């Protein structure tokens, strides 16, 4: 398997992290986003949206980070990470949707401003970030993992990267003690690989 990635992409880190946690044999290929490599005809043949990550497994090409999580879990038979029961599968899907929705338009968008110069309304996206982080912090009360249970799932991995680096987008995590504990719990998993940090946002003064 080959994973087309970039060290500053939270979506790419999400895929890379999960593949590492399950011990998948994968070659990582860094796409030069600054040079526009993700918009070249060759890359667009892999993902017409021109985004990382992309997973290539033989003749199978999977674009979208959450799709990669699902594919890798299914391919490797990791029902511990992706439950097969209707209730468990639905619980995971709920948080994959949050990762693609409120997380993308909250902490991820706030970080895009400071790290990549995106032209979003900072106050608006930071407010969105705090709204979803408050909900997640409440969800984690009495739980080790986001859907409960004794083991993490791909839902935790889908949420992790952009929450961990939310301070780069001027989103303070100090008000969320449950999230801070959960982040350390994810970071203690065997096979964990950190998401590269920048000095943007609140990290400038850190």
N, C-alpha and C. Protein backbone atom coordinates (compact mmCIF):
# COMPACT_ATOMS: atom_id res chain seq x y z
N UNK A 1 0.83 -1.19 0.00
CA UNK A 1 0.00 0.00 0.00
C UNK A 1 0.87 1.25 0.00
N UNK A 2 0.38 2.28 -0.67
CA UNK A 2 1.04 3.57 -0.69
C UNK A 2 0.07 4.64 -0.19
N UNK A 3 0.57 5.51 0.69
CA UNK A 3 -0.26 6.59 1.21
C UNK A 3 0.35 7.92 0.78
N UNK A 4 -0.40 8.65 -0.03
CA UNK A 4 0.02 9.99 -0.45
C UNK A 4 -0.41 10.97 0.65
N UNK A 5 0.56 11.71 1.18
CA UNK A 5 0.34 12.44 2.41
C UNK A 5 1.07 13.77 2.42
N UNK A 6 0.89 14.51 3.50
CA UNK A 6 1.66 15.73 3.74
C UNK A 6 1.73 15.93 5.26
N UNK A 7 2.90 16.28 5.79
CA UNK A 7 3.06 16.32 7.24
C UNK A 7 2.22 17.35 7.97
N UNK A 8 1.72 18.38 7.29
CA UNK A 8 0.92 19.40 7.95
C UNK A 8 -0.58 19.23 7.73
N UNK A 9 -0.96 18.18 7.04
CA UNK A 9 -2.38 17.91 6.81
C UNK A 9 -2.94 17.04 7.92
N UNK A 10 -3.94 17.55 8.63
CA UNK A 10 -4.58 16.74 9.65
C UNK A 10 -5.33 15.55 9.08
N UNK A 11 -5.90 15.73 7.90
CA UNK A 11 -6.56 14.61 7.24
C UNK A 11 -5.55 13.50 6.92
N UNK A 12 -4.40 13.89 6.42
CA UNK A 12 -3.36 12.90 6.11
C UNK A 12 -2.84 12.24 7.38
N UNK A 13 -2.66 13.04 8.43
CA UNK A 13 -2.18 12.46 9.69
C UNK A 13 -3.18 11.44 10.23
N UNK A 14 -4.45 11.74 10.10
CA UNK A 14 -5.51 10.82 10.54
C UNK A 14 -5.31 9.44 9.92
N UNK A 15 -5.07 9.40 8.63
CA UNK A 15 -4.87 8.13 7.93
C UNK A 15 -3.56 7.48 8.34
N UNK A 16 -2.49 8.27 8.38
CA UNK A 16 -1.18 7.75 8.74
C UNK A 16 -1.18 7.17 10.15
N UNK A 17 -1.83 7.87 11.06
CA UNK A 17 -1.89 7.42 12.45
C UNK A 17 -2.58 6.07 12.55
N UNK A 18 -3.72 5.94 11.91
CA UNK A 18 -4.45 4.68 12.03
C UNK A 18 -3.67 3.53 11.40
N UNK A 19 -3.09 3.75 10.25
CA UNK A 19 -2.32 2.69 9.60
C UNK A 19 -1.15 2.26 10.48
N UNK A 20 -0.55 3.20 11.19
CA UNK A 20 0.52 2.86 12.12
C UNK A 20 -0.01 2.08 13.32
N UNK A 21 -1.15 2.49 13.85
CA UNK A 21 -1.71 1.83 15.03
C UNK A 21 -2.06 0.37 14.76
N UNK A 22 -2.46 0.05 13.54
CA UNK A 22 -2.81 -1.34 13.22
C UNK A 22 -1.64 -2.09 12.60
N UNK A 23 -0.49 -1.43 12.50
CA UNK A 23 0.70 -2.10 11.99
C UNK A 23 0.64 -2.42 10.52
N UNK A 24 -0.07 -1.63 9.74
CA UNK A 24 -0.18 -1.87 8.31
C UNK A 24 1.15 -1.57 7.60
N UNK A 25 1.45 -2.36 6.60
CA UNK A 25 2.66 -2.16 5.80
C UNK A 25 2.34 -1.15 4.70
N UNK A 26 2.82 0.07 4.86
CA UNK A 26 2.46 1.14 3.93
C UNK A 26 3.67 2.02 3.66
N UNK A 27 3.82 2.42 2.42
CA UNK A 27 4.85 3.38 2.02
C UNK A 27 4.22 4.76 1.94
N UNK A 28 4.79 5.71 2.67
CA UNK A 28 4.26 7.07 2.64
C UNK A 28 4.99 7.90 1.59
N UNK A 29 4.22 8.58 0.76
CA UNK A 29 4.76 9.44 -0.29
C UNK A 29 4.28 10.86 -0.01
N UNK A 30 5.22 11.77 0.26
CA UNK A 30 4.87 13.15 0.58
C UNK A 30 4.56 13.91 -0.70
N UNK A 31 3.40 14.53 -0.73
CA UNK A 31 2.96 15.34 -1.86
C UNK A 31 3.34 16.79 -1.57
N UNK A 32 4.03 17.44 -2.50
CA UNK A 32 4.48 18.82 -2.31
C UNK A 32 3.32 19.78 -2.59
N UNK A 33 2.58 20.10 -1.54
CA UNK A 33 1.42 20.97 -1.70
C UNK A 33 1.83 22.38 -2.10
N UNK A 34 2.93 22.86 -1.54
CA UNK A 34 3.38 24.23 -1.85
C UNK A 34 3.69 24.39 -3.33
N UNK A 35 4.18 23.33 -3.95
CA UNK A 35 4.50 23.37 -5.38
C UNK A 35 3.30 23.01 -6.26
N UNK A 36 2.17 22.73 -5.63
CA UNK A 36 0.98 22.41 -6.39
C UNK A 36 0.93 21.01 -6.95
N UNK A 37 1.72 20.11 -6.37
CA UNK A 37 1.77 18.75 -6.89
C UNK A 37 0.40 18.06 -6.82
N UNK A 38 -0.42 18.47 -5.85
CA UNK A 38 -1.74 17.85 -5.68
C UNK A 38 -2.73 18.29 -6.76
N UNK A 39 -2.33 19.25 -7.59
CA UNK A 39 -3.20 19.71 -8.68
C UNK A 39 -2.68 19.29 -10.05
N UNK A 40 -1.65 18.45 -10.08
CA UNK A 40 -1.10 17.99 -11.35
C UNK A 40 -1.99 16.90 -11.94
N UNK A 41 -1.95 16.72 -13.26
CA UNK A 41 -2.78 15.68 -13.88
C UNK A 41 -2.54 14.29 -13.27
N UNK A 42 -1.28 13.99 -12.93
CA UNK A 42 -0.98 12.66 -12.39
C UNK A 42 -1.68 12.45 -11.05
N UNK A 43 -1.65 13.47 -10.19
CA UNK A 43 -2.30 13.30 -8.90
C UNK A 43 -3.81 13.33 -9.03
N UNK A 44 -4.32 14.17 -9.92
CA UNK A 44 -5.76 14.26 -10.10
C UNK A 44 -6.36 12.97 -10.64
N UNK A 45 -5.54 12.12 -11.25
CA UNK A 45 -6.02 10.81 -11.66
C UNK A 45 -6.30 9.94 -10.45
N UNK A 46 -5.58 10.21 -9.34
CA UNK A 46 -5.80 9.47 -8.10
C UNK A 46 -6.98 10.05 -7.32
N UNK A 47 -7.06 11.37 -7.28
CA UNK A 47 -8.14 12.04 -6.56
C UNK A 47 -8.49 13.32 -7.30
N UNK A 48 -9.61 13.31 -7.98
CA UNK A 48 -9.99 14.46 -8.81
C UNK A 48 -10.25 15.72 -7.99
N UNK A 49 -10.40 15.56 -6.66
CA UNK A 49 -10.57 16.73 -5.80
C UNK A 49 -9.22 17.39 -5.47
N UNK A 50 -8.12 16.73 -5.81
CA UNK A 50 -6.80 17.31 -5.59
C UNK A 50 -6.46 17.48 -4.12
N UNK A 51 -6.75 16.47 -3.33
CA UNK A 51 -6.52 16.54 -1.89
C UNK A 51 -5.78 15.31 -1.41
N UNK A 52 -4.99 15.49 -0.34
CA UNK A 52 -4.41 14.37 0.39
C UNK A 52 -5.28 14.13 1.62
N UNK A 53 -5.30 12.88 2.09
CA UNK A 53 -4.51 11.72 1.67
C UNK A 53 -5.23 10.91 0.58
N UNK A 54 -4.42 10.08 -0.06
CA UNK A 54 -4.94 9.07 -0.97
C UNK A 54 -4.21 7.77 -0.66
N UNK A 55 -4.96 6.69 -0.54
CA UNK A 55 -4.37 5.37 -0.31
C UNK A 55 -4.49 4.55 -1.58
N UNK A 56 -3.37 4.00 -2.03
CA UNK A 56 -3.36 3.13 -3.21
C UNK A 56 -2.97 1.72 -2.75
N UNK A 57 -3.87 0.79 -2.96
CA UNK A 57 -3.66 -0.60 -2.57
C UNK A 57 -3.87 -1.48 -3.79
N UNK A 58 -2.78 -1.72 -4.52
CA UNK A 58 -2.92 -2.45 -5.77
C UNK A 58 -3.72 -1.64 -6.76
N UNK A 59 -4.82 -2.18 -7.24
CA UNK A 59 -5.69 -1.48 -8.19
C UNK A 59 -6.76 -0.64 -7.49
N UNK A 60 -6.77 -0.69 -6.18
CA UNK A 60 -7.77 0.05 -5.41
C UNK A 60 -7.23 1.40 -4.97
N UNK A 61 -7.97 2.45 -5.25
CA UNK A 61 -7.57 3.80 -4.86
C UNK A 61 -8.66 4.36 -3.95
N UNK A 62 -8.24 4.75 -2.75
CA UNK A 62 -9.18 5.29 -1.76
C UNK A 62 -8.78 6.73 -1.45
N UNK A 63 -9.64 7.67 -1.79
CA UNK A 63 -9.44 9.07 -1.43
C UNK A 63 -10.40 9.41 -0.30
N UNK A 64 -10.00 10.35 0.55
CA UNK A 64 -10.75 10.80 1.72
C UNK A 64 -10.25 10.04 2.95
N UNK A 65 -9.88 10.80 3.96
CA UNK A 65 -9.26 10.22 5.15
C UNK A 65 -10.19 9.27 5.89
N UNK A 66 -11.45 9.64 6.06
CA UNK A 66 -12.36 8.76 6.79
C UNK A 66 -12.63 7.47 6.01
N UNK A 67 -12.70 7.58 4.69
CA UNK A 67 -12.86 6.39 3.86
C UNK A 67 -11.65 5.47 4.02
N UNK A 68 -10.47 6.05 4.15
CA UNK A 68 -9.26 5.26 4.34
C UNK A 68 -9.31 4.52 5.67
N UNK A 69 -9.80 5.19 6.72
CA UNK A 69 -9.93 4.52 8.02
C UNK A 69 -10.83 3.29 7.90
N UNK A 70 -11.96 3.46 7.25
CA UNK A 70 -12.92 2.36 7.10
C UNK A 70 -12.31 1.24 6.26
N UNK A 71 -11.69 1.61 5.15
CA UNK A 71 -11.10 0.60 4.27
C UNK A 71 -10.02 -0.20 4.98
N UNK A 72 -9.12 0.50 5.66
CA UNK A 72 -8.01 -0.18 6.32
C UNK A 72 -8.50 -1.10 7.44
N UNK A 73 -9.49 -0.63 8.20
CA UNK A 73 -10.03 -1.46 9.27
C UNK A 73 -10.69 -2.72 8.70
N UNK A 74 -11.47 -2.56 7.64
CA UNK A 74 -12.14 -3.70 7.02
C UNK A 74 -11.13 -4.67 6.38
N UNK A 75 -10.16 -4.10 5.67
CA UNK A 75 -9.17 -4.93 4.97
C UNK A 75 -8.39 -5.80 5.95
N UNK A 76 -8.08 -5.23 7.11
CA UNK A 76 -7.27 -5.96 8.09
C UNK A 76 -8.11 -6.67 9.14
N UNK A 77 -9.42 -6.70 8.94
CA UNK A 77 -10.28 -7.42 9.85
C UNK A 77 -10.29 -6.87 11.26
N UNK A 78 -10.11 -5.56 11.39
CA UNK A 78 -9.99 -4.95 12.72
C UNK A 78 -11.35 -4.49 13.23
N UNK A 79 -12.16 -5.47 13.62
CA UNK A 79 -13.47 -5.14 14.17
C UNK A 79 -13.35 -4.51 15.55
N UNK A 80 -12.16 -4.60 16.17
CA UNK A 80 -11.95 -3.89 17.42
C UNK A 80 -11.95 -2.38 17.18
N UNK A 81 -11.49 -1.96 16.02
CA UNK A 81 -11.44 -0.54 15.67
C UNK A 81 -12.71 -0.08 14.95
N UNK A 82 -13.39 -0.98 14.27
CA UNK A 82 -14.60 -0.63 13.51
C UNK A 82 -15.66 -1.71 13.78
N UNK A 83 -16.50 -1.49 14.78
CA UNK A 83 -17.48 -2.51 15.18
C UNK A 83 -18.41 -2.90 14.04
N UNK A 84 -18.84 -4.16 14.07
CA UNK A 84 -19.76 -4.65 13.04
C UNK A 84 -21.21 -4.67 13.50
N UNK A 85 -21.43 -4.51 14.81
CA UNK A 85 -22.82 -4.50 15.28
C UNK A 85 -23.50 -3.23 14.77
N UNK A 86 -24.80 -3.29 14.53
CA UNK A 86 -25.51 -2.09 14.06
C UNK A 86 -25.30 -0.89 14.99
N UNK A 87 -25.39 -1.13 16.29
CA UNK A 87 -25.23 -0.04 17.25
C UNK A 87 -23.82 0.53 17.21
N UNK A 88 -22.82 -0.36 17.21
CA UNK A 88 -21.43 0.10 17.21
C UNK A 88 -21.08 0.82 15.92
N UNK A 89 -21.51 0.26 14.78
CA UNK A 89 -21.22 0.89 13.50
C UNK A 89 -21.86 2.27 13.40
N UNK A 90 -23.10 2.39 13.90
CA UNK A 90 -23.78 3.68 13.86
C UNK A 90 -23.10 4.70 14.76
N UNK A 91 -22.64 4.24 15.93
CA UNK A 91 -21.95 5.15 16.85
C UNK A 91 -20.67 5.70 16.24
N UNK A 92 -19.93 4.84 15.55
CA UNK A 92 -18.71 5.29 14.88
C UNK A 92 -19.05 6.26 13.76
N UNK A 93 -20.06 5.93 12.95
CA UNK A 93 -20.42 6.78 11.82
C UNK A 93 -20.84 8.17 12.28
N UNK A 94 -21.50 8.24 13.42
CA UNK A 94 -21.90 9.55 13.96
C UNK A 94 -20.68 10.46 14.09
N UNK A 95 -19.58 9.90 14.63
CA UNK A 95 -18.41 10.74 14.89
C UNK A 95 -17.54 10.94 13.65
N UNK A 96 -17.61 10.02 12.70
CA UNK A 96 -16.96 10.27 11.42
C UNK A 96 -17.64 11.46 10.73
N UNK A 97 -18.95 11.55 10.88
CA UNK A 97 -19.68 12.69 10.31
C UNK A 97 -19.30 13.99 11.02
N UNK A 98 -19.11 13.93 12.32
CA UNK A 98 -18.66 15.11 13.07
C UNK A 98 -17.27 15.54 12.60
N UNK A 99 -16.40 14.56 12.39
CA UNK A 99 -15.04 14.88 11.92
C UNK A 99 -15.07 15.57 10.57
N UNK A 100 -15.97 15.13 9.69
CA UNK A 100 -16.08 15.72 8.36
C UNK A 100 -16.89 17.00 8.35
N UNK A 101 -17.63 17.25 9.44
CA UNK A 101 -18.49 18.42 9.52
C UNK A 101 -17.98 19.46 10.50
N UNK A 102 -18.41 19.34 11.75
CA UNK A 102 -18.08 20.36 12.75
C UNK A 102 -16.58 20.51 13.00
N UNK A 103 -15.84 19.40 12.97
CA UNK A 103 -14.39 19.52 13.17
C UNK A 103 -13.74 20.21 11.97
N UNK A 104 -14.16 19.83 10.77
CA UNK A 104 -13.59 20.44 9.56
C UNK A 104 -13.88 21.93 9.49
N UNK A 105 -15.08 22.33 9.90
CA UNK A 105 -15.47 23.73 9.79
C UNK A 105 -15.21 24.52 11.08
N UNK A 106 -14.64 23.85 12.09
CA UNK A 106 -14.30 24.51 13.34
C UNK A 106 -12.79 24.55 13.54
N UNK A 107 -12.24 23.65 14.34
CA UNK A 107 -10.79 23.70 14.62
C UNK A 107 -9.92 23.54 13.38
N UNK A 108 -10.34 22.72 12.43
CA UNK A 108 -9.52 22.55 11.22
C UNK A 108 -9.49 23.85 10.41
N UNK A 109 -10.65 24.50 10.27
CA UNK A 109 -10.71 25.75 9.52
C UNK A 109 -9.92 26.86 10.21
N UNK A 110 -10.00 26.91 11.54
CA UNK A 110 -9.25 27.92 12.28
C UNK A 110 -7.74 27.75 12.06
N UNK A 111 -7.31 26.50 12.01
CA UNK A 111 -5.88 26.22 11.77
C UNK A 111 -5.48 26.55 10.33
N UNK A 112 -6.39 26.39 9.39
CA UNK A 112 -6.10 26.73 8.00
C UNK A 112 -5.76 28.22 7.86
N UNK A 113 -6.36 29.05 8.71
CA UNK A 113 -6.07 30.49 8.65
C UNK A 113 -4.63 30.76 9.02
N UNK A 114 -4.19 30.21 10.14
CA UNK A 114 -2.87 30.56 10.68
C UNK A 114 -1.73 29.78 10.01
N UNK A 115 -2.00 28.54 9.60
CA UNK A 115 -0.93 27.71 9.03
C UNK A 115 -0.83 27.86 7.52
N UNK A 116 -1.99 28.03 6.85
CA UNK A 116 -2.00 28.05 5.39
C UNK A 116 -2.52 29.36 4.79
N UNK A 117 -2.92 30.31 5.64
CA UNK A 117 -3.36 31.60 5.14
C UNK A 117 -4.75 31.60 4.53
N UNK A 118 -5.60 30.64 4.93
CA UNK A 118 -6.96 30.59 4.39
C UNK A 118 -7.75 31.84 4.79
N UNK A 119 -8.67 32.26 3.94
CA UNK A 119 -9.43 33.48 4.18
C UNK A 119 -10.81 33.16 4.76
N UNK A 120 -10.79 32.68 5.99
CA UNK A 120 -12.02 32.46 6.73
C UNK A 120 -12.18 33.56 7.76
N UNK A 121 -13.37 33.69 8.27
CA UNK A 121 -13.63 34.61 9.38
C UNK A 121 -13.15 33.93 10.65
N UNK A 122 -12.06 34.43 11.23
CA UNK A 122 -11.43 33.77 12.38
C UNK A 122 -12.39 33.66 13.56
N UNK A 123 -13.09 34.74 13.88
CA UNK A 123 -14.01 34.70 15.02
C UNK A 123 -15.09 33.64 14.82
N UNK A 124 -15.58 33.54 13.61
CA UNK A 124 -16.65 32.59 13.32
C UNK A 124 -16.18 31.15 13.48
N UNK A 125 -15.04 30.82 12.88
CA UNK A 125 -14.60 29.42 12.93
C UNK A 125 -14.08 29.05 14.31
N UNK A 126 -13.50 30.00 15.03
CA UNK A 126 -13.07 29.71 16.40
C UNK A 126 -14.29 29.46 17.29
N UNK A 127 -15.35 30.23 17.08
CA UNK A 127 -16.58 29.99 17.83
C UNK A 127 -17.15 28.61 17.52
N UNK A 128 -17.11 28.22 16.24
CA UNK A 128 -17.57 26.88 15.87
C UNK A 128 -16.72 25.81 16.56
N UNK A 129 -15.41 26.07 16.61
CA UNK A 129 -14.51 25.11 17.24
C UNK A 129 -14.88 24.91 18.70
N UNK A 130 -15.09 26.00 19.42
CA UNK A 130 -15.42 25.87 20.83
C UNK A 130 -16.78 25.20 21.04
N UNK A 131 -17.71 25.43 20.13
CA UNK A 131 -19.02 24.79 20.25
C UNK A 131 -18.90 23.27 20.18
N UNK A 132 -18.15 22.75 19.20
CA UNK A 132 -18.04 21.30 19.07
C UNK A 132 -17.12 20.73 20.14
N UNK A 133 -16.09 21.45 20.53
CA UNK A 133 -15.20 20.94 21.58
C UNK A 133 -15.93 20.84 22.91
N UNK A 134 -16.80 21.78 23.18
CA UNK A 134 -17.60 21.71 24.40
C UNK A 134 -18.49 20.47 24.40
N UNK A 135 -19.08 20.17 23.25
CA UNK A 135 -19.93 19.00 23.15
C UNK A 135 -19.13 17.71 23.30
N UNK A 136 -17.95 17.66 22.68
CA UNK A 136 -17.11 16.47 22.79
C UNK A 136 -16.62 16.29 24.22
N UNK A 137 -16.25 17.38 24.87
CA UNK A 137 -15.80 17.30 26.26
C UNK A 137 -16.90 16.71 27.14
N UNK A 138 -18.12 17.13 26.90
CA UNK A 138 -19.24 16.58 27.66
C UNK A 138 -19.47 15.12 27.35
N UNK A 139 -19.29 14.74 26.10
CA UNK A 139 -19.49 13.36 25.68
C UNK A 139 -18.48 12.43 26.36
N UNK A 140 -17.29 12.95 26.64
CA UNK A 140 -16.23 12.13 27.21
C UNK A 140 -16.32 11.97 28.72
N UNK A 141 -17.24 12.66 29.35
CA UNK A 141 -17.39 12.51 30.80
C UNK A 141 -17.74 11.05 31.11
N UNK A 142 -16.93 10.42 31.94
CA UNK A 142 -17.16 9.03 32.31
C UNK A 142 -16.77 8.03 31.25
N UNK A 143 -16.12 8.48 30.19
CA UNK A 143 -15.71 7.59 29.11
C UNK A 143 -14.22 7.72 28.84
N UNK A 144 -13.58 6.62 28.49
CA UNK A 144 -12.20 6.67 28.03
C UNK A 144 -12.13 7.04 26.54
N UNK A 145 -13.14 6.59 25.78
CA UNK A 145 -13.14 6.77 24.34
C UNK A 145 -14.48 7.34 23.89
N UNK A 146 -14.51 7.91 22.70
CA UNK A 146 -15.64 8.75 22.31
C UNK A 146 -16.96 7.98 22.20
N UNK A 147 -16.95 6.70 21.83
CA UNK A 147 -18.22 5.96 21.79
C UNK A 147 -18.39 5.08 23.03
N UNK A 148 -17.50 5.26 24.00
CA UNK A 148 -17.56 4.42 25.19
C UNK A 148 -16.83 3.11 24.97
N UNK A 149 -16.93 2.20 25.93
CA UNK A 149 -16.25 0.92 25.79
C UNK A 149 -14.81 0.99 26.25
N UNK A 150 -14.18 -0.17 26.23
CA UNK A 150 -12.81 -0.29 26.75
C UNK A 150 -11.75 0.00 25.70
N UNK A 151 -12.13 0.04 24.44
CA UNK A 151 -11.15 0.18 23.36
C UNK A 151 -11.46 1.40 22.50
N UNK A 152 -10.41 2.03 21.94
CA UNK A 152 -10.65 3.11 20.99
C UNK A 152 -11.20 2.55 19.68
N UNK A 153 -11.78 3.42 18.88
CA UNK A 153 -12.26 3.04 17.55
C UNK A 153 -11.74 4.06 16.54
N UNK A 154 -12.05 3.83 15.28
CA UNK A 154 -11.64 4.80 14.26
C UNK A 154 -12.27 6.16 14.50
N UNK A 155 -13.36 6.22 15.28
CA UNK A 155 -13.97 7.50 15.60
C UNK A 155 -13.00 8.38 16.39
N UNK A 156 -12.28 7.79 17.33
CA UNK A 156 -11.28 8.55 18.09
C UNK A 156 -10.18 9.07 17.19
N UNK A 157 -9.76 8.24 16.25
CA UNK A 157 -8.68 8.63 15.35
C UNK A 157 -9.14 9.74 14.41
N UNK A 158 -10.38 9.66 13.95
CA UNK A 158 -10.92 10.70 13.06
C UNK A 158 -10.96 12.06 13.74
N UNK A 159 -11.18 12.07 15.04
CA UNK A 159 -11.28 13.33 15.78
C UNK A 159 -9.93 13.86 16.24
N UNK A 160 -8.98 12.99 16.43
CA UNK A 160 -7.76 13.35 17.16
C UNK A 160 -6.95 14.50 16.55
N UNK A 161 -6.55 14.40 15.30
CA UNK A 161 -5.50 15.26 14.75
C UNK A 161 -5.82 16.75 14.85
N UNK A 162 -7.00 17.13 14.39
CA UNK A 162 -7.33 18.56 14.39
C UNK A 162 -7.65 19.09 15.79
N UNK A 163 -8.09 18.21 16.68
CA UNK A 163 -8.28 18.65 18.05
C UNK A 163 -6.92 18.83 18.73
N UNK A 164 -6.01 17.89 18.52
CA UNK A 164 -4.69 17.98 19.14
C UNK A 164 -3.97 19.26 18.74
N UNK A 165 -4.10 19.67 17.49
CA UNK A 165 -3.39 20.85 17.00
C UNK A 165 -4.29 22.08 16.89
N UNK A 166 -5.43 22.03 17.57
CA UNK A 166 -6.33 23.18 17.56
C UNK A 166 -5.69 24.47 18.06
N UNK A 167 -4.77 24.43 19.03
CA UNK A 167 -4.13 25.69 19.46
C UNK A 167 -3.40 26.43 18.34
N UNK A 168 -3.00 25.73 17.29
CA UNK A 168 -2.37 26.40 16.16
C UNK A 168 -3.35 27.34 15.46
N UNK A 169 -4.62 27.10 15.63
CA UNK A 169 -5.65 27.97 15.07
C UNK A 169 -6.22 28.94 16.08
N UNK A 170 -5.47 29.16 17.18
CA UNK A 170 -5.91 30.06 18.27
C UNK A 170 -7.14 29.54 19.00
N UNK A 171 -7.27 28.23 19.06
CA UNK A 171 -8.34 27.58 19.81
C UNK A 171 -7.73 26.98 21.08
N UNK A 172 -8.06 27.56 22.21
CA UNK A 172 -7.49 27.14 23.49
C UNK A 172 -8.19 25.88 23.98
N UNK A 173 -7.41 24.85 24.31
CA UNK A 173 -7.97 23.60 24.81
C UNK A 173 -8.06 23.55 26.33
N UNK A 174 -7.55 24.55 27.00
CA UNK A 174 -7.54 24.55 28.46
C UNK A 174 -8.92 24.36 29.09
N UNK A 175 -10.00 24.89 28.50
CA UNK A 175 -11.32 24.71 29.13
C UNK A 175 -11.89 23.30 29.03
N UNK A 176 -11.17 22.37 28.42
CA UNK A 176 -11.73 21.06 28.12
C UNK A 176 -10.91 19.94 28.76
N UNK A 177 -11.07 19.72 30.07
CA UNK A 177 -10.23 18.73 30.76
C UNK A 177 -10.44 17.31 30.28
N UNK A 178 -11.67 16.97 29.89
CA UNK A 178 -11.91 15.61 29.39
C UNK A 178 -11.17 15.38 28.08
N UNK A 179 -11.18 16.39 27.22
CA UNK A 179 -10.48 16.28 25.95
C UNK A 179 -8.98 16.17 26.18
N UNK A 180 -8.43 16.95 27.07
CA UNK A 180 -7.00 16.90 27.33
C UNK A 180 -6.58 15.52 27.82
N UNK A 181 -7.38 14.92 28.67
CA UNK A 181 -7.08 13.57 29.15
C UNK A 181 -7.20 12.56 28.01
N UNK A 182 -8.22 12.72 27.20
CA UNK A 182 -8.42 11.82 26.05
C UNK A 182 -7.27 11.93 25.06
N UNK A 183 -6.79 13.14 24.79
CA UNK A 183 -5.65 13.30 23.89
C UNK A 183 -4.44 12.51 24.38
N UNK A 184 -4.16 12.60 25.70
CA UNK A 184 -3.02 11.87 26.24
C UNK A 184 -3.24 10.37 26.12
N UNK A 185 -4.50 9.96 26.23
CA UNK A 185 -4.82 8.54 26.13
C UNK A 185 -4.53 8.04 24.70
N UNK A 186 -4.94 8.80 23.70
CA UNK A 186 -4.64 8.44 22.32
C UNK A 186 -3.13 8.39 22.11
N UNK A 187 -2.44 9.38 22.64
CA UNK A 187 -0.99 9.47 22.44
C UNK A 187 -0.22 8.36 23.15
N UNK A 188 -0.88 7.65 24.05
CA UNK A 188 -0.25 6.54 24.74
C UNK A 188 -0.44 5.20 24.05
N UNK A 189 -1.18 5.18 22.94
CA UNK A 189 -1.43 3.92 22.23
C UNK A 189 -0.16 3.43 21.55
N UNK A 190 0.03 2.11 21.54
CA UNK A 190 1.16 1.52 20.82
C UNK A 190 1.04 1.83 19.34
N UNK A 191 2.12 2.32 18.76
CA UNK A 191 2.11 2.67 17.34
C UNK A 191 1.73 4.11 17.07
N UNK A 192 1.49 4.88 18.13
CA UNK A 192 1.12 6.29 17.92
C UNK A 192 2.23 7.05 17.20
N UNK A 193 1.83 7.89 16.26
CA UNK A 193 2.77 8.80 15.59
C UNK A 193 2.22 10.22 15.73
N UNK A 194 3.04 11.15 16.17
CA UNK A 194 2.53 12.51 16.41
C UNK A 194 2.25 13.26 15.12
N UNK A 195 1.35 14.22 15.23
CA UNK A 195 1.03 15.14 14.15
C UNK A 195 2.03 16.30 14.25
N UNK A 196 2.74 16.55 13.17
CA UNK A 196 3.75 17.62 13.18
C UNK A 196 3.13 18.95 13.60
N UNK A 197 3.79 19.63 14.50
CA UNK A 197 3.28 20.91 14.99
C UNK A 197 4.03 22.08 14.36
N UNK A 198 3.35 23.21 14.31
CA UNK A 198 3.98 24.45 13.85
C UNK A 198 3.97 25.41 15.03
N UNK A 199 4.54 26.60 14.83
CA UNK A 199 4.53 27.62 15.90
C UNK A 199 3.40 28.60 15.70
N UNK A 200 2.44 28.25 14.87
CA UNK A 200 1.32 29.17 14.59
C UNK A 200 0.39 29.29 15.79
N UNK A 201 -0.42 30.33 15.76
CA UNK A 201 -1.48 30.50 16.74
C UNK A 201 -0.97 30.62 18.15
N UNK A 202 -1.63 29.91 19.07
CA UNK A 202 -1.28 29.98 20.48
C UNK A 202 0.08 29.38 20.77
N UNK A 203 0.61 28.57 19.84
CA UNK A 203 1.92 27.98 20.05
C UNK A 203 3.05 28.99 19.88
N UNK A 204 2.77 30.13 19.30
CA UNK A 204 3.80 31.16 19.14
C UNK A 204 4.35 31.58 20.49
N UNK A 205 3.45 31.70 21.46
CA UNK A 205 3.88 32.14 22.79
C UNK A 205 4.18 30.99 23.72
N UNK A 206 3.95 29.77 23.25
CA UNK A 206 4.14 28.60 24.12
C UNK A 206 5.61 28.26 24.29
